[in-house]
């Protein structure tokens, strides 16, 4: 099976990220014949975005997060 990784850069998207993750994982990913993964690349958000994505990654095996380097 093919693997597809969607890379989503974010910064302070707490208002939107939970809805976006659920839309992708629950509605879109099941319609695609591939191993779908979402990689959220955060730029050290200060509004709770990181915590929201980390929580989602515990619920959905398709969701991952990394932080950009501060340099």
PDB file of N, CA and C in Angstrom:
ATOM      1  N   UNK A   1       0.841  -1.181   0.000  1.00  0.00           N
ATOM      2  CA  UNK A   1       0.000   0.000   0.000  1.00  0.00           C
ATOM      3  C   UNK A   1       0.890   1.249   0.000  1.00  0.00           C
ATOM      4  N   UNK A   2       0.508   2.219  -0.776  1.00  0.00           N
ATOM      5  CA  UNK A   2       1.235   3.484  -0.822  1.00  0.00           C
ATOM      6  C   UNK A   2       1.031   4.265   0.462  1.00  0.00           C
ATOM      7  N   UNK A   3       2.020   5.057   0.816  1.00  0.00           N
ATOM      8  CA  UNK A   3       1.920   5.938   1.978  1.00  0.00           C
ATOM      9  C   UNK A   3       1.912   7.377   1.487  1.00  0.00           C
ATOM     10  N   UNK A   4       0.976   8.159   2.020  1.00  0.00           N
ATOM     11  CA  UNK A   4       0.877   9.571   1.692  1.00  0.00           C
ATOM     12  C   UNK A   4       0.980  10.354   2.993  1.00  0.00           C
ATOM     13  N   UNK A   5       1.893  11.323   3.007  1.00  0.00           N
ATOM     14  CA  UNK A   5       2.065  12.165   4.183  1.00  0.00           C
ATOM     15  C   UNK A   5       1.690  13.594   3.793  1.00  0.00           C
ATOM     16  N   UNK A   6       0.716  14.121   4.481  1.00  0.00           N
ATOM     17  CA  UNK A   6       0.341  15.519   4.299  1.00  0.00           C
ATOM     18  C   UNK A   6       1.113  16.316   5.339  1.00  0.00           C
ATOM     19  N   UNK A   7       1.889  17.282   4.881  1.00  0.00           N
ATOM     20  CA  UNK A   7       2.659  18.137   5.783  1.00  0.00           C
ATOM     21  C   UNK A   7       1.905  19.456   5.919  1.00  0.00           C
ATOM     22  N   UNK A   8       1.524  19.759   7.165  1.00  0.00           N
ATOM     23  CA  UNK A   8       0.732  20.953   7.422  1.00  0.00           C
ATOM     24  C   UNK A   8       1.501  21.896   8.354  1.00  0.00           C
ATOM     25  N   UNK A   9       2.067  22.986   7.816  1.00  0.00           N
ATOM     26  CA  UNK A   9       2.730  23.954   8.686  1.00  0.00           C
ATOM     27  C   UNK A   9       1.675  24.774   9.431  1.00  0.00           C
ATOM     28  N   UNK A  10       1.920  25.009  10.709  1.00  0.00           N
ATOM     29  CA  UNK A  10       0.971  25.774  11.520  1.00  0.00           C
ATOM     30  C   UNK A  10       1.696  26.715  12.460  1.00  0.00           C
ATOM     31  N   UNK A  11       0.974  27.735  12.861  1.00  0.00           N
ATOM     32  CA  UNK A  11       1.430  28.626  13.913  1.00  0.00           C
ATOM     33  C   UNK A  11       0.190  29.311  14.475  1.00  0.00           C
ATOM     34  N   UNK A  12      -0.056  29.061  15.746  1.00  0.00           N
ATOM     35  CA  UNK A  12      -1.214  29.630  16.446  1.00  0.00           C
ATOM     36  C   UNK A  12      -2.529  29.367  15.708  1.00  0.00           C
ATOM     37  N   UNK A  13      -2.812  28.099  15.499  1.00  0.00           N
ATOM     38  CA  UNK A  13      -4.042  27.671  14.821  1.00  0.00           C
ATOM     39  C   UNK A  13      -4.969  26.888  15.745  1.00  0.00           C
ATOM     40  N   UNK A  14      -4.933  27.178  17.032  1.00  0.00           N
ATOM     41  CA  UNK A  14      -5.734  26.421  17.998  1.00  0.00           C
ATOM     42  C   UNK A  14      -7.223  26.438  17.653  1.00  0.00           C
ATOM     43  N   UNK A  15      -7.711  27.536  17.113  1.00  0.00           N
ATOM     44  CA  UNK A  15      -9.134  27.630  16.770  1.00  0.00           C
ATOM     45  C   UNK A  15      -9.519  26.712  15.620  1.00  0.00           C
ATOM     46  N   UNK A  16      -8.578  26.371  14.765  1.00  0.00           N
ATOM     47  CA  UNK A  16      -8.885  25.620  13.545  1.00  0.00           C
ATOM     48  C   UNK A  16      -8.360  24.194  13.515  1.00  0.00           C
ATOM     49  N   UNK A  17      -7.294  23.912  14.221  1.00  0.00           N
ATOM     50  CA  UNK A  17      -6.565  22.664  14.010  1.00  0.00           C
ATOM     51  C   UNK A  17      -7.359  21.421  14.400  1.00  0.00           C
ATOM     52  N   UNK A  18      -8.100  21.474  15.478  1.00  0.00           N
ATOM     53  CA  UNK A  18      -8.872  20.292  15.901  1.00  0.00           C
ATOM     54  C   UNK A  18      -9.899  19.914  14.835  1.00  0.00           C
ATOM     55  N   UNK A  19     -10.612  20.904  14.334  1.00  0.00           N
ATOM     56  CA  UNK A  19     -11.619  20.642  13.296  1.00  0.00           C
ATOM     57  C   UNK A  19     -10.959  20.109  12.029  1.00  0.00           C
ATOM     58  N   UNK A  20      -9.810  20.659  11.665  1.00  0.00           N
ATOM     59  CA  UNK A  20      -9.098  20.220  10.467  1.00  0.00           C
ATOM     60  C   UNK A  20      -8.633  18.776  10.612  1.00  0.00           C
ATOM     61  N   UNK A  21      -8.069  18.438  11.761  1.00  0.00           N
ATOM     62  CA  UNK A  21      -7.608  17.064  11.999  1.00  0.00           C
ATOM     63  C   UNK A  21      -8.770  16.093  11.900  1.00  0.00           C
ATOM     64  N   UNK A  22      -9.860  16.404  12.567  1.00  0.00           N
ATOM     65  CA  UNK A  22     -11.014  15.499  12.547  1.00  0.00           C
ATOM     66  C   UNK A  22     -11.602  15.363  11.151  1.00  0.00           C
ATOM     67  N   UNK A  23     -11.641  16.438  10.407  1.00  0.00           N
ATOM     68  CA  UNK A  23     -12.159  16.388   9.033  1.00  0.00           C
ATOM     69  C   UNK A  23     -11.288  15.469   8.167  1.00  0.00           C
ATOM     70  N   UNK A  24      -9.988  15.620   8.284  1.00  0.00           N
ATOM     71  CA  UNK A  24      -9.077  14.792   7.496  1.00  0.00           C
ATOM     72  C   UNK A  24      -9.147  13.324   7.916  1.00  0.00           C
ATOM     73  N   UNK A  25      -8.991  13.070   9.208  1.00  0.00           N
ATOM     74  CA  UNK A  25      -8.892  11.690   9.695  1.00  0.00           C
ATOM     75  C   UNK A  25     -10.211  10.934   9.578  1.00  0.00           C
ATOM     76  N   UNK A  26     -11.310  11.587   9.883  1.00  0.00           N
ATOM     77  CA  UNK A  26     -12.607  10.890   9.881  1.00  0.00           C
ATOM     78  C   UNK A  26     -13.298  10.863   8.518  1.00  0.00           C
ATOM     79  N   UNK A  27     -13.134  11.919   7.717  1.00  0.00           N
ATOM     80  CA  UNK A  27     -13.878  11.997   6.460  1.00  0.00           C
ATOM     81  C   UNK A  27     -13.026  11.749   5.223  1.00  0.00           C
ATOM     82  N   UNK A  28     -11.876  12.365   5.153  1.00  0.00           N
ATOM     83  CA  UNK A  28     -11.081  12.306   3.920  1.00  0.00           C
ATOM     84  C   UNK A  28     -10.177  11.080   3.840  1.00  0.00           C
ATOM     85  N   UNK A  29      -9.432  10.806   4.890  1.00  0.00           N
ATOM     86  CA  UNK A  29      -8.484   9.687   4.853  1.00  0.00           C
ATOM     87  C   UNK A  29      -9.145   8.360   4.507  1.00  0.00           C
ATOM     88  N   UNK A  30     -10.327   8.048   5.058  1.00  0.00           N
ATOM     89  CA  UNK A  30     -10.949   6.754   4.723  1.00  0.00           C
ATOM     90  C   UNK A  30     -11.328   6.605   3.246  1.00  0.00           C
ATOM     91  N   UNK A  31     -11.427   7.709   2.526  1.00  0.00           N
ATOM     92  CA  UNK A  31     -11.819   7.625   1.111  1.00  0.00           C
ATOM     93  C   UNK A  31     -10.629   7.433   0.177  1.00  0.00           C
ATOM     94  N   UNK A  32      -9.426   7.468   0.736  1.00  0.00           N
ATOM     95  CA  UNK A  32      -8.214   7.380  -0.081  1.00  0.00           C
ATOM     96  C   UNK A  32      -7.559   6.020   0.133  1.00  0.00           C
ATOM     97  N   UNK A  33      -7.248   5.347  -0.961  1.00  0.00           N
ATOM     98  CA  UNK A  33      -6.653   4.012  -0.894  1.00  0.00           C
ATOM     99  C   UNK A  33      -5.140   4.124  -0.717  1.00  0.00           C
ATOM    100  N   UNK A  34      -4.745   4.545   0.497  1.00  0.00           N
ATOM    101  CA  UNK A  34      -3.327   4.685   0.841  1.00  0.00           C
ATOM    102  C   UNK A  34      -3.216   4.784   2.354  1.00  0.00           C
ATOM    103  N   UNK A  35      -2.022   4.594   2.850  1.00  0.00           N
ATOM    104  CA  UNK A  35      -1.737   4.786   4.268  1.00  0.00           C
ATOM    105  C   UNK A  35      -1.559   6.283   4.477  1.00  0.00           C
ATOM    106  N   UNK A  36      -2.608   6.953   4.911  1.00  0.00           N
ATOM    107  CA  UNK A  36      -2.614   8.407   5.042  1.00  0.00           C
ATOM    108  C   UNK A  36      -2.077   8.829   6.405  1.00  0.00           C
ATOM    109  N   UNK A  37      -1.188   9.816   6.390  1.00  0.00           N
ATOM    110  CA  UNK A  37      -0.596  10.350   7.616  1.00  0.00           C
ATOM    111  C   UNK A  37      -0.635  11.878   7.545  1.00  0.00           C
ATOM    112  N   UNK A  38      -0.817  12.495   8.695  1.00  0.00           N
ATOM    113  CA  UNK A  38      -0.786  13.952   8.792  1.00  0.00           C
ATOM    114  C   UNK A  38       0.377  14.345   9.683  1.00  0.00           C
ATOM    115  N   UNK A  39       1.308  15.113   9.141  1.00  0.00           N
ATOM    116  CA  UNK A  39       2.446  15.608   9.894  1.00  0.00           C
ATOM    117  C   UNK A  39       2.273  17.108  10.065  1.00  0.00           C
ATOM    118  N   UNK A  40       2.021  17.518  11.297  1.00  0.00           N
ATOM    119  CA  UNK A  40       1.852  18.929  11.613  1.00  0.00           C
ATOM    120  C   UNK A  40       3.218  19.476  12.030  1.00  0.00           C
ATOM    121  N   UNK A  41       3.663  20.519  11.329  1.00  0.00           N
ATOM    122  CA  UNK A  41       4.939  21.155  11.637  1.00  0.00           C
ATOM    123  C   UNK A  41       4.612  22.486  12.314  1.00  0.00           C
ATOM    124  N   UNK A  42       4.861  22.523  13.613  1.00  0.00           N
ATOM    125  CA  UNK A  42       4.497  23.690  14.412  1.00  0.00           C
ATOM    126  C   UNK A  42       5.704  24.605  14.588  1.00  0.00           C
ATOM    127  N   UNK A  43       5.451  25.888  14.603  1.00  0.00           N
ATOM    128  CA  UNK A  43       6.500  26.884  14.789  1.00  0.00           C
ATOM    129  C   UNK A  43       6.395  27.490  16.189  1.00  0.00           C
ATOM    130  N   UNK A  44       6.333  26.612  17.180  1.00  0.00           N
ATOM    131  CA  UNK A  44       6.270  27.000  18.591  1.00  0.00           C
ATOM    132  C   UNK A  44       5.078  27.907  18.885  1.00  0.00           C
ATOM    133  N   UNK A  45       3.886  27.423  18.541  1.00  0.00           N
ATOM    134  CA  UNK A  45       2.662  28.166  18.805  1.00  0.00           C
ATOM    135  C   UNK A  45       2.519  28.454  20.291  1.00  0.00           C
ATOM    136  N   UNK A  46       1.871  29.561  20.581  1.00  0.00           N
ATOM    137  CA  UNK A  46       1.677  29.972  21.973  1.00  0.00           C
ATOM    138  C   UNK A  46       0.213  29.939  22.397  1.00  0.00           C
ATOM    139  N   UNK A  47      -0.665  29.425  21.530  1.00  0.00           N
ATOM    140  CA  UNK A  47      -2.098  29.471  21.814  1.00  0.00           C
ATOM    141  C   UNK A  47      -2.713  28.114  22.126  1.00  0.00           C
ATOM    142  N   UNK A  48      -1.895  27.082  22.315  1.00  0.00           N
ATOM    143  CA  UNK A  48      -2.430  25.758  22.613  1.00  0.00           C
ATOM    144  C   UNK A  48      -2.499  24.830  21.415  1.00  0.00           C
ATOM    145  N   UNK A  49      -2.060  25.296  20.269  1.00  0.00           N
ATOM    146  CA  UNK A  49      -2.057  24.452  19.069  1.00  0.00           C
ATOM    147  C   UNK A  49      -1.277  23.165  19.309  1.00  0.00           C
ATOM    148  N   UNK A  50      -0.091  23.292  19.879  1.00  0.00           N
ATOM    149  CA  UNK A  50       0.767  22.133  20.114  1.00  0.00           C
ATOM    150  C   UNK A  50       0.063  21.095  20.968  1.00  0.00           C
ATOM    151  N   UNK A  51      -0.553  21.536  22.042  1.00  0.00           N
ATOM    152  CA  UNK A  51      -1.242  20.616  22.950  1.00  0.00           C
ATOM    153  C   UNK A  51      -2.427  19.944  22.267  1.00  0.00           C
ATOM    154  N   UNK A  52      -3.131  20.680  21.429  1.00  0.00           N
ATOM    155  CA  UNK A  52      -4.268  20.110  20.703  1.00  0.00           C
ATOM    156  C   UNK A  52      -3.819  19.008  19.753  1.00  0.00           C
ATOM    157  N   UNK A  53      -2.732  19.253  19.040  1.00  0.00           N
ATOM    158  CA  UNK A  53      -2.225  18.252  18.095  1.00  0.00           C
ATOM    159  C   UNK A  53      -1.658  17.050  18.846  1.00  0.00           C
ATOM    160  N   UNK A  54      -0.938  17.298  19.927  1.00  0.00           N
ATOM    161  CA  UNK A  54      -0.402  16.192  20.718  1.00  0.00           C
ATOM    162  C   UNK A  54      -1.528  15.314  21.259  1.00  0.00           C
ATOM    163  N   UNK A  55      -2.596  15.922  21.705  1.00  0.00           N
ATOM    164  CA  UNK A  55      -3.754  15.162  22.178  1.00  0.00           C
ATOM    165  C   UNK A  55      -4.372  14.343  21.048  1.00  0.00           C
ATOM    166  N   UNK A  56      -4.512  14.948  19.886  1.00  0.00           N
ATOM    167  CA  UNK A  56      -5.077  14.234  18.729  1.00  0.00           C
ATOM    168  C   UNK A  56      -4.187  13.071  18.322  1.00  0.00           C
ATOM    169  N   UNK A  57      -2.870  13.234  18.472  1.00  0.00           N
ATOM    170  CA  UNK A  57      -1.957  12.158  18.077  1.00  0.00           C
ATOM    171  C   UNK A  57      -2.087  10.940  18.988  1.00  0.00           C
ATOM    172  N   UNK A  58      -2.601  11.135  20.180  1.00  0.00           N
ATOM    173  CA  UNK A  58      -2.844  10.012  21.089  1.00  0.00           C
ATOM    174  C   UNK A  58      -4.126   9.271  20.714  1.00  0.00           C
ATOM    175  N   UNK A  59      -5.041   9.971  20.074  1.00  0.00           N
ATOM    176  CA  UNK A  59      -6.316   9.381  19.656  1.00  0.00           C
ATOM    177  C   UNK A  59      -6.218   8.773  18.260  1.00  0.00           C
ATOM    178  N   UNK A  60      -5.535   9.457  17.366  1.00  0.00           N
ATOM    179  CA  UNK A  60      -5.451   9.041  15.964  1.00  0.00           C
ATOM    180  C   UNK A  60      -4.013   8.674  15.613  1.00  0.00           C
ATOM    181  N   UNK A  61      -3.806   7.454  15.183  1.00  0.00           N
ATOM    182  CA  UNK A  61      -2.461   6.995  14.833  1.00  0.00           C
ATOM    183  C   UNK A  61      -1.927   7.688  13.582  1.00  0.00           C
ATOM    184  N   UNK A  62      -2.779   8.388  12.862  1.00  0.00           N
ATOM    185  CA  UNK A  62      -2.411   9.056  11.613  1.00  0.00           C
ATOM    186  C   UNK A  62      -1.824  10.450  11.835  1.00  0.00           C
ATOM    187  N   UNK A  63      -1.855  10.945  13.069  1.00  0.00           N
ATOM    188  CA  UNK A  63      -1.490  12.335  13.345  1.00  0.00           C
ATOM    189  C   UNK A  63      -0.156  12.395  14.086  1.00  0.00           C
ATOM    190  N   UNK A  64       0.741  13.257  13.592  1.00  0.00           N
ATOM    191  CA  UNK A  64       2.072  13.413  14.178  1.00  0.00           C
ATOM    192  C   UNK A  64       2.402  14.904  14.231  1.00  0.00           C
ATOM    193  N   UNK A  65       3.301  15.274  15.151  1.00  0.00           N
ATOM    194  CA  UNK A  65       3.707  16.672  15.247  1.00  0.00           C
ATOM    195  C   UNK A  65       5.210  16.758  15.441  1.00  0.00           C
ATOM    196  N   UNK A  66       5.799  17.767  14.811  1.00  0.00           N
ATOM    197  CA  UNK A  66       7.193  18.098  15.085  1.00  0.00           C
ATOM    198  C   UNK A  66       7.264  19.615  15.256  1.00  0.00           C
ATOM    199  N   UNK A  67       8.277  20.057  15.978  1.00  0.00           N
ATOM    200  CA  UNK A  67       8.510  21.485  16.180  1.00  0.00           C
ATOM    201  C   UNK A  67       9.659  21.933  15.294  1.00  0.00           C
ATOM    202  N   UNK A  68       9.518  23.094  14.685  1.00  0.00           N
ATOM    203  CA  UNK A  68      10.616  23.660  13.909  1.00  0.00           C
ATOM    204  C   UNK A  68      11.719  24.093  14.869  1.00  0.00           C
ATOM    205  N   UNK A  69      12.943  24.066  14.380  1.00  0.00           N
ATOM    206  CA  UNK A  69      14.057  24.583  15.168  1.00  0.00           C
ATOM    207  C   UNK A  69      13.858  26.058  15.439  1.00  0.00           C
ATOM    208  N   UNK A  70      14.319  26.508  16.612  1.00  0.00           N
ATOM    209  CA  UNK A  70      14.191  27.910  16.940  1.00  0.00           C
ATOM    210  C   UNK A  70      15.262  28.763  16.294  1.00  0.00           C
ATOM    211  N   UNK A  71      16.264  28.136  15.719  1.00  0.00           N
ATOM    212  CA  UNK A  71      17.357  28.918  15.116  1.00  0.00           C
ATOM    213  C   UNK A  71      16.958  29.546  13.808  1.00  0.00           C
TER     214      UNK A  71
END
